[in-house]
């Protein structure tokens, strides 16, 4: 039964990508606003067709930076479905077959990791996104976490955002299952944080029923300390603390309910 559900949803997902490709060719969005708009509607369709629900608490800021913990590829789809936005991605993605072209057409701001000055080069792009009136989203962990914690944050992009005077708002992403999937499927098949081959993980994820993505936004941008403005590591620590604070609030609310 799980295999049949995966096959059916895989065919749906393939149809979504085929339609999205034709849509991009026909419309060829050129401005950041048009590309963010396309990504927003694409992600809404994808979640609906895959039977994935998104619940939101708080307000997605209209401008500035949004930082969040990172649990997997669904994070991007869920955030874009909630609000029109632009993402930061590693530069290698732009060379991936088809997917790289689609992420580029979605307006992704690419950053070269592991090279000196890459964050500095991203500053102009971040400012361009801000000037277009669109929020920019990135995941300071740099990779997917294990789900039971939040990894230390990288400081490069954070420091560039702070130097540019961008407000930085914390967000927390969590997943839960609202339906019983039996003993063979769990949240580990939703959050991509292990060494499973990506294609295999997506195929198993499509078999999971009742996936709900919970997104909580902080009420206000992070109020960094004076020390954080001059020391990148302190800024990264305070940004991570803001996300962990959201997590503590959500967990406390869950205990009460």
Protein backbone atom coordinates (compact mmCIF):
# COMPACT_ATOMS: atom_id res chain seq x y z
CA UNK A 1 0.00 0.00 0.00
CA UNK A 2 2.84 2.39 0.84
CA UNK A 3 4.51 1.60 -2.48
CA UNK A 4 1.32 2.28 -4.42
CA UNK A 5 0.81 5.61 -2.65
CA UNK A 6 4.41 6.60 -3.40
CA UNK A 7 4.01 5.75 -7.09
CA UNK A 8 0.76 7.70 -7.37
CA UNK A 9 2.14 10.79 -5.68
CA UNK A 10 5.40 10.53 -7.64
CA UNK A 11 3.42 10.71 -10.86
CA UNK A 12 1.55 13.74 -9.49
CA UNK A 13 4.82 15.39 -8.51
CA UNK A 14 6.24 14.75 -11.98
CA UNK A 15 3.14 16.36 -13.47
CA UNK A 16 3.61 19.38 -11.19
CA UNK A 17 7.20 19.85 -12.35
CA UNK A 18 6.20 19.39 -16.00
CA UNK A 19 3.49 22.03 -15.66
CA UNK A 20 5.87 24.35 -13.80
CA UNK A 21 8.49 23.97 -16.55
CA UNK A 22 6.00 24.84 -19.27
CA UNK A 23 4.73 27.76 -17.18
CA UNK A 24 8.24 29.15 -16.78
CA UNK A 25 8.93 28.81 -20.50
CA UNK A 26 5.67 30.56 -21.37
CA UNK A 27 5.79 33.36 -18.80
CA UNK A 28 9.57 33.66 -18.36
CA UNK A 29 9.37 35.80 -15.21
CA UNK A 30 12.18 38.33 -15.19
CA UNK A 31 11.74 40.52 -12.11
CA UNK A 32 12.27 39.36 -8.54
CA UNK A 33 8.62 40.01 -7.78
CA UNK A 34 7.46 37.88 -10.71
CA UNK A 35 9.82 35.05 -9.82
CA UNK A 36 8.79 35.07 -6.16
CA UNK A 37 5.16 35.06 -7.27
CA UNK A 38 5.75 32.04 -9.51
CA UNK A 39 7.56 30.13 -6.74
CA UNK A 40 4.76 30.92 -4.29
CA UNK A 41 2.04 29.45 -6.50
CA UNK A 42 4.20 26.49 -7.52
CA UNK A 43 4.78 25.56 -3.87
CA UNK A 44 1.09 25.98 -3.01
CA UNK A 45 0.18 23.53 -5.80
CA UNK A 46 2.91 21.09 -4.81
CA UNK A 47 1.82 20.92 -1.18
CA UNK A 48 -1.83 20.53 -2.11
CA UNK A 49 -1.15 17.73 -4.57
CA UNK A 50 1.12 15.95 -2.09
CA UNK A 51 -1.45 16.25 0.68
CA UNK A 52 0.82 18.28 2.97
CA UNK A 53 -0.72 20.89 5.27
CA UNK A 54 1.00 24.02 6.59
CA UNK A 55 0.04 25.84 9.76
CA UNK A 56 1.50 29.26 10.52
CA UNK A 57 1.77 31.25 13.72
CA UNK A 58 2.98 34.80 13.64
CA UNK A 59 3.57 37.04 10.67
CA UNK A 60 5.99 36.49 7.81
CA UNK A 61 7.84 39.84 7.59
CA UNK A 62 7.34 41.79 4.37
CA UNK A 63 10.97 42.84 4.18
CA UNK A 64 14.36 41.94 5.59
CA UNK A 65 15.80 38.55 6.47
CA UNK A 66 14.12 35.43 7.80
CA UNK A 67 16.34 32.77 9.38
CA UNK A 68 15.10 29.34 10.43
CA UNK A 69 16.24 25.92 11.51
CA UNK A 70 16.66 23.48 8.63
CA UNK A 71 15.12 20.00 8.61
CA UNK A 72 14.91 19.20 4.92
CA UNK A 73 13.87 20.11 1.40
CA UNK A 74 10.23 20.56 2.42
CA UNK A 75 11.26 23.62 4.47
CA UNK A 76 11.72 25.66 1.31
CA UNK A 77 8.42 24.57 -0.22
CA UNK A 78 6.49 25.29 2.99
CA UNK A 79 7.99 28.75 3.53
CA UNK A 80 7.46 29.79 -0.08
CA UNK A 81 3.87 28.56 0.07
CA UNK A 82 3.24 30.74 3.12
CA UNK A 83 4.64 33.92 1.58
CA UNK A 84 6.39 35.24 -1.52
CA UNK A 85 10.11 35.21 -0.79
CA UNK A 86 13.61 34.59 -2.15
CA UNK A 87 16.00 31.93 -0.85
CA UNK A 88 19.75 31.76 -0.50
CA UNK A 89 21.24 28.59 -1.99
CA UNK A 90 24.67 27.10 -2.55
CA UNK A 91 26.10 27.93 -5.97
CA UNK A 92 26.34 24.25 -7.00
CA UNK A 93 22.57 24.05 -7.25
CA UNK A 94 22.44 26.26 -10.34
CA UNK A 95 24.25 23.52 -12.29
CA UNK A 96 21.82 20.71 -11.38
CA UNK A 97 19.86 19.36 -14.33
CA UNK A 98 16.46 21.11 -14.68
CA UNK A 99 16.23 21.80 -10.94
CA UNK A 100 19.08 24.29 -11.17
CA UNK A 101 17.33 26.17 -13.94
CA UNK A 102 14.09 26.22 -11.96
CA UNK A 103 15.75 27.52 -8.80
CA UNK A 104 17.45 30.22 -10.84
CA UNK A 105 14.13 31.19 -12.40
CA UNK A 106 12.68 31.30 -8.87
CA UNK A 107 15.14 34.10 -8.08
CA UNK A 108 17.49 32.15 -5.80
CA UNK A 109 20.45 34.15 -4.51
CA UNK A 110 23.48 31.88 -4.88
CA UNK A 111 26.45 31.87 -2.52
CA UNK A 112 29.76 30.05 -2.98
CA UNK A 113 30.50 28.17 0.20
CA UNK A 114 33.97 27.67 1.55
CA UNK A 115 35.51 30.53 -0.40
CA UNK A 116 36.81 33.73 1.05
CA UNK A 117 34.61 36.74 0.50
CA UNK A 118 31.56 34.76 -0.66
CA UNK A 119 29.34 36.33 1.98
CA UNK A 120 30.64 39.76 0.99
CA UNK A 121 29.72 39.07 -2.62
CA UNK A 122 26.22 38.15 -1.48
CA UNK A 123 25.67 41.56 0.13
CA UNK A 124 24.77 43.25 -3.14
CA UNK A 125 22.30 40.50 -3.93
CA UNK A 126 20.74 40.76 -0.49
CA UNK A 127 20.35 44.49 -0.97
CA UNK A 128 18.75 43.92 -4.37
CA UNK A 129 16.17 41.58 -2.83
CA UNK A 130 15.46 44.15 -0.12
CA UNK A 131 15.06 46.92 -2.69
CA UNK A 132 12.50 44.77 -4.50
CA UNK A 133 10.44 44.61 -1.30
CA UNK A 134 10.73 40.84 -0.89
CA UNK A 135 11.93 39.00 2.22
CA UNK A 136 15.06 36.85 1.90
CA UNK A 137 15.23 33.45 3.62
CA UNK A 138 18.26 31.39 4.55
CA UNK A 139 19.18 28.60 6.95
CA UNK A 140 22.25 29.53 9.05
CA UNK A 141 22.90 25.91 10.06
CA UNK A 142 24.09 25.36 6.51
CA UNK A 143 22.79 21.79 6.49
CA UNK A 144 19.84 19.79 7.79
CA UNK A 145 19.87 19.19 11.55
CA UNK A 146 18.89 15.98 13.29
CA UNK A 147 15.47 17.34 14.21
CA UNK A 148 16.02 17.08 17.96
CA UNK A 149 18.39 20.03 18.08
CA UNK A 150 19.52 23.14 16.21
CA UNK A 151 23.09 23.06 14.95
CA UNK A 152 25.48 26.02 15.50
CA UNK A 153 24.88 28.86 13.05
CA UNK A 154 27.34 30.04 10.42
CA UNK A 155 28.03 33.74 10.74
CA UNK A 156 28.92 34.95 7.23
CA UNK A 157 25.52 35.84 5.80
CA UNK A 158 24.27 36.98 9.19
CA UNK A 159 27.07 39.50 9.54
CA UNK A 160 26.48 40.80 6.02
CA UNK A 161 22.78 41.24 6.74
CA UNK A 162 23.55 43.11 9.97
CA UNK A 163 26.10 45.38 8.29
CA UNK A 164 23.51 46.20 5.64
CA UNK A 165 21.03 47.15 8.37
CA UNK A 166 18.61 44.37 7.44
CA UNK A 167 16.10 43.37 10.14
CA UNK A 168 16.52 39.66 10.90
CA UNK A 169 13.49 37.69 12.07
CA UNK A 170 13.71 34.20 13.56
CA UNK A 171 11.42 31.37 12.53
CA UNK A 172 10.99 27.80 13.70
CA UNK A 173 9.98 24.87 11.49
CA UNK A 174 8.58 21.64 12.88
CA UNK A 175 6.88 18.61 11.37
CA UNK A 176 4.25 16.33 12.79
CA UNK A 177 2.06 13.50 11.54
CA UNK A 178 -1.69 13.79 12.00
CA UNK A 179 -2.42 10.26 10.75
CA UNK A 180 -1.20 6.81 11.72
CA UNK A 181 1.26 5.50 9.12
CA UNK A 182 1.96 2.15 10.73
CA UNK A 183 5.33 0.86 11.94
CA UNK A 184 7.30 1.43 8.73
CA UNK A 185 6.90 5.19 8.18
CA UNK A 186 7.78 7.99 10.59
CA UNK A 187 8.99 11.60 10.77
CA UNK A 188 12.41 10.31 9.73
CA UNK A 189 10.86 9.83 6.29
CA UNK A 190 9.80 13.49 6.22
CA UNK A 191 12.88 15.29 7.54
CA UNK A 192 15.92 14.76 5.33
CA UNK A 193 18.79 14.73 7.80
CA UNK A 194 20.52 11.36 7.32
CA UNK A 195 22.60 9.71 4.61
CA UNK A 196 19.67 8.28 2.64
CA UNK A 197 19.87 8.89 -1.10
CA UNK A 198 17.74 11.97 -1.84
CA UNK A 199 15.61 10.33 -4.53
CA UNK A 200 14.92 7.34 -2.27
CA UNK A 201 14.00 9.65 0.61
CA UNK A 202 11.58 11.64 -1.55
CA UNK A 203 9.93 8.41 -2.73
CA UNK A 204 9.39 7.27 0.88
CA UNK A 205 8.23 10.74 1.95
CA UNK A 206 5.51 10.67 -0.69
CA UNK A 207 4.07 7.58 0.99
CA UNK A 208 3.60 9.33 4.33
CA UNK A 209 0.08 10.46 5.18
CA UNK A 210 -0.93 13.39 7.35
CA UNK A 211 2.23 15.50 7.07
CA UNK A 212 1.81 18.90 8.67
CA UNK A 213 4.45 21.62 8.65
CA UNK A 214 4.29 24.02 11.59
CA UNK A 215 5.98 27.40 11.13
CA UNK A 216 6.31 29.92 13.97
CA UNK A 217 7.61 33.44 13.33
CA UNK A 218 8.97 35.68 16.07
CA UNK A 219 6.89 38.73 16.91
CA UNK A 220 9.75 41.12 16.13
CA UNK A 221 13.23 41.14 14.57
CA UNK A 222 16.10 39.90 16.70
CA UNK A 223 17.44 42.57 19.07
CA UNK A 224 21.16 41.88 18.82
CA UNK A 225 23.45 43.04 21.61
CA UNK A 226 26.09 45.71 21.11
CA UNK A 227 28.74 42.98 21.26
CA UNK A 228 27.07 41.10 18.42
CA UNK A 229 27.37 44.05 16.05
CA UNK A 230 31.14 43.75 16.10
CA UNK A 231 31.67 40.03 16.58
CA UNK A 232 30.22 37.58 14.08
CA UNK A 233 30.37 34.57 16.39
CA UNK A 234 28.34 36.37 19.05
CA UNK A 235 25.77 37.38 16.42
CA UNK A 236 25.49 33.77 15.26
CA UNK A 237 25.05 32.60 18.85
CA UNK A 238 22.30 35.17 19.53
CA UNK A 239 20.51 34.34 16.27
CA UNK A 240 20.52 30.63 17.16
CA UNK A 241 19.27 31.50 20.66
CA UNK A 242 16.31 33.33 19.08
CA UNK A 243 15.32 30.21 17.14
CA UNK A 244 15.77 28.03 20.22
CA UNK A 245 13.57 30.42 22.19
CA UNK A 246 10.80 29.93 19.64
CA UNK A 247 11.25 26.19 19.98
CA UNK A 248 10.93 26.41 23.76
CA UNK A 249 7.72 28.44 23.42
CA UNK A 250 6.19 25.95 20.99
CA UNK A 251 7.11 22.98 23.18
CA UNK A 252 5.68 24.70 26.27
CA UNK A 253 2.41 25.40 24.44
CA UNK A 254 2.25 21.76 23.34
CA UNK A 255 2.52 20.60 26.94
CA UNK A 256 -0.31 22.88 28.02
CA UNK A 257 -2.60 21.74 25.23
